[in-house]
Amino acid sequence: MRTIINAWDAVELWLTQLPFLFQVVFVIVVVVPLVALLATGIDRATQRFDEPRR
């Protein structure tokens, strides 16, 4: 578990030390597509609960 925490800290430190423009580009190129894929997956997984009961 400590290894995961150290890796996360290293990535977080690297990202926060980038200039603002690169942080924005990173979010647009990496984070937004990942969140979109996650949202699509959750939507498909819960789609069967969207149908109204009769």
N, C-alpha and C. Protein backbone atom coordinates (compact mmCIF):
# COMPACT_ATOMS: atom_id res chain seq x y z
N MET A 1 0.82 -1.19 0.00
CA MET A 1 0.00 0.00 0.00
C MET A 1 0.87 1.26 0.00
N ARG A 2 1.97 1.19 0.71
CA ARG A 2 2.87 2.35 0.77
C ARG A 2 3.43 2.67 -0.61
N THR A 3 3.66 1.65 -1.42
CA THR A 3 4.19 1.87 -2.77
C THR A 3 3.19 2.65 -3.62
N ILE A 4 1.92 2.31 -3.51
CA ILE A 4 0.88 3.02 -4.27
C ILE A 4 0.80 4.47 -3.82
N ILE A 5 0.87 4.69 -2.51
CA ILE A 5 0.81 6.05 -1.99
C ILE A 5 2.01 6.86 -2.46
N ASN A 6 3.20 6.26 -2.44
CA ASN A 6 4.39 6.96 -2.90
C ASN A 6 4.31 7.28 -4.39
N ALA A 7 3.80 6.36 -5.18
CA ALA A 7 3.66 6.61 -6.61
C ALA A 7 2.66 7.73 -6.86
N TRP A 8 1.55 7.72 -6.15
CA TRP A 8 0.55 8.78 -6.29
C TRP A 8 1.15 10.13 -5.91
N ASP A 9 1.91 10.16 -4.82
CA ASP A 9 2.55 11.40 -4.38
C ASP A 9 3.52 11.92 -5.43
N ALA A 10 4.26 11.01 -6.06
CA ALA A 10 5.22 11.42 -7.08
C ALA A 10 4.52 12.02 -8.29
N VAL A 11 3.43 11.40 -8.73
CA VAL A 11 2.67 11.92 -9.87
C VAL A 11 2.04 13.27 -9.51
N GLU A 12 1.48 13.36 -8.33
CA GLU A 12 0.87 14.60 -7.89
C GLU A 12 1.89 15.73 -7.81
N LEU A 13 3.05 15.44 -7.27
CA LEU A 13 4.11 16.44 -7.19
C LEU A 13 4.57 16.87 -8.57
N TRP A 14 4.73 15.92 -9.47
CA TRP A 14 5.15 16.24 -10.84
C TRP A 14 4.11 17.14 -11.52
N LEU A 15 2.84 16.79 -11.36
CA LEU A 15 1.78 17.55 -12.01
C LEU A 15 1.66 18.96 -11.44
N THR A 16 1.76 19.10 -10.14
CA THR A 16 1.60 20.42 -9.54
C THR A 16 2.78 21.33 -9.83
N GLN A 17 3.92 20.76 -10.19
CA GLN A 17 5.09 21.58 -10.50
C GLN A 17 5.15 21.99 -11.97
N LEU A 18 4.24 21.47 -12.78
CA LEU A 18 4.19 21.88 -14.18
C LEU A 18 3.64 23.30 -14.29
N PRO A 19 4.03 24.01 -15.33
CA PRO A 19 3.39 25.31 -15.57
C PRO A 19 1.89 25.12 -15.82
N PHE A 20 1.13 26.17 -15.55
CA PHE A 20 -0.32 26.10 -15.63
C PHE A 20 -0.81 25.62 -16.99
N LEU A 21 -0.22 26.12 -18.06
CA LEU A 21 -0.66 25.73 -19.40
C LEU A 21 -0.53 24.22 -19.61
N PHE A 22 0.56 23.64 -19.14
CA PHE A 22 0.74 22.20 -19.29
C PHE A 22 -0.24 21.41 -18.43
N GLN A 23 -0.60 21.96 -17.27
CA GLN A 23 -1.60 21.32 -16.44
C GLN A 23 -2.96 21.29 -17.15
N VAL A 24 -3.30 22.39 -17.79
CA VAL A 24 -4.57 22.46 -18.53
C VAL A 24 -4.56 21.47 -19.68
N VAL A 25 -3.47 21.42 -20.42
CA VAL A 25 -3.35 20.48 -21.54
C VAL A 25 -3.44 19.04 -21.04
N PHE A 26 -2.79 18.74 -19.91
CA PHE A 26 -2.85 17.40 -19.34
C PHE A 26 -4.28 17.02 -18.98
N VAL A 27 -5.00 17.95 -18.39
CA VAL A 27 -6.39 17.67 -18.01
C VAL A 27 -7.24 17.42 -19.25
N ILE A 28 -7.05 18.24 -20.29
CA ILE A 28 -7.85 18.09 -21.50
C ILE A 28 -7.52 16.79 -22.23
N VAL A 29 -6.25 16.44 -22.29
CA VAL A 29 -5.82 15.28 -23.07
C VAL A 29 -5.99 13.96 -22.31
N VAL A 30 -5.79 13.99 -21.00
CA VAL A 30 -5.79 12.73 -20.23
C VAL A 30 -7.03 12.59 -19.34
N VAL A 31 -7.30 13.58 -18.53
CA VAL A 31 -8.35 13.44 -17.51
C VAL A 31 -9.75 13.44 -18.12
N VAL A 32 -10.02 14.37 -19.03
CA VAL A 32 -11.36 14.46 -19.62
C VAL A 32 -11.75 13.16 -20.35
N PRO A 33 -10.88 12.59 -21.21
CA PRO A 33 -11.26 11.31 -21.83
C PRO A 33 -11.47 10.17 -20.82
N LEU A 34 -10.64 10.12 -19.78
CA LEU A 34 -10.81 9.07 -18.77
C LEU A 34 -12.15 9.21 -18.04
N VAL A 35 -12.50 10.43 -17.68
CA VAL A 35 -13.77 10.66 -17.00
C VAL A 35 -14.94 10.36 -17.94
N ALA A 36 -14.80 10.70 -19.21
CA ALA A 36 -15.86 10.41 -20.18
C ALA A 36 -16.05 8.89 -20.33
N LEU A 37 -14.96 8.15 -20.39
CA LEU A 37 -15.06 6.69 -20.47
C LEU A 37 -15.69 6.11 -19.21
N LEU A 38 -15.31 6.64 -18.07
CA LEU A 38 -15.89 6.17 -16.81
C LEU A 38 -17.40 6.46 -16.76
N ALA A 39 -17.79 7.65 -17.18
CA ALA A 39 -19.21 8.01 -17.18
C ALA A 39 -19.99 7.13 -18.15
N THR A 40 -19.42 6.87 -19.32
CA THR A 40 -20.09 6.00 -20.29
C THR A 40 -20.25 4.59 -19.74
N GLY A 41 -19.21 4.10 -19.09
CA GLY A 41 -19.28 2.77 -18.48
C GLY A 41 -20.33 2.68 -17.40
N ILE A 42 -20.39 3.68 -16.54
CA ILE A 42 -21.40 3.69 -15.48
C ILE A 42 -22.79 3.79 -16.09
N ASP A 43 -22.93 4.61 -17.13
CA ASP A 43 -24.24 4.75 -17.79
C ASP A 43 -24.69 3.43 -18.39
N ARG A 44 -23.80 2.72 -19.04
CA ARG A 44 -24.17 1.42 -19.63
C ARG A 44 -24.46 0.38 -18.57
N ALA A 45 -23.70 0.43 -17.47
CA ALA A 45 -23.91 -0.55 -16.40
C ALA A 45 -25.24 -0.33 -15.69
N THR A 46 -25.69 0.90 -15.62
CA THR A 46 -26.93 1.20 -14.90
C THR A 46 -28.12 1.42 -15.82
N GLN A 47 -27.94 1.18 -17.10
CA GLN A 47 -29.00 1.44 -18.08
C GLN A 47 -30.23 0.59 -17.82
N ARG A 48 -30.07 -0.61 -17.32
CA ARG A 48 -31.23 -1.48 -17.10
C ARG A 48 -32.13 -0.97 -15.98
N PHE A 49 -31.61 -0.09 -15.14
CA PHE A 49 -32.42 0.47 -14.06
C PHE A 49 -33.18 1.72 -14.51
N ASP A 50 -32.93 2.17 -15.74
CA ASP A 50 -33.57 3.39 -16.23
C ASP A 50 -35.00 3.17 -16.71
N GLU A 51 -35.38 1.95 -16.97
CA GLU A 51 -36.71 1.67 -17.48
C GLU A 51 -37.75 1.84 -16.37
N PRO A 52 -38.84 2.56 -16.66
CA PRO A 52 -39.87 2.73 -15.62
C PRO A 52 -40.59 1.42 -15.33
N ARG A 53 -41.00 1.26 -14.10
CA ARG A 53 -41.76 0.06 -13.73
C ARG A 53 -43.20 0.21 -14.17
N ARG A 54 -43.80 -0.90 -14.51
CA ARG A 54 -45.20 -0.88 -14.97
C ARG A 54 -46.11 -1.45 -13.92
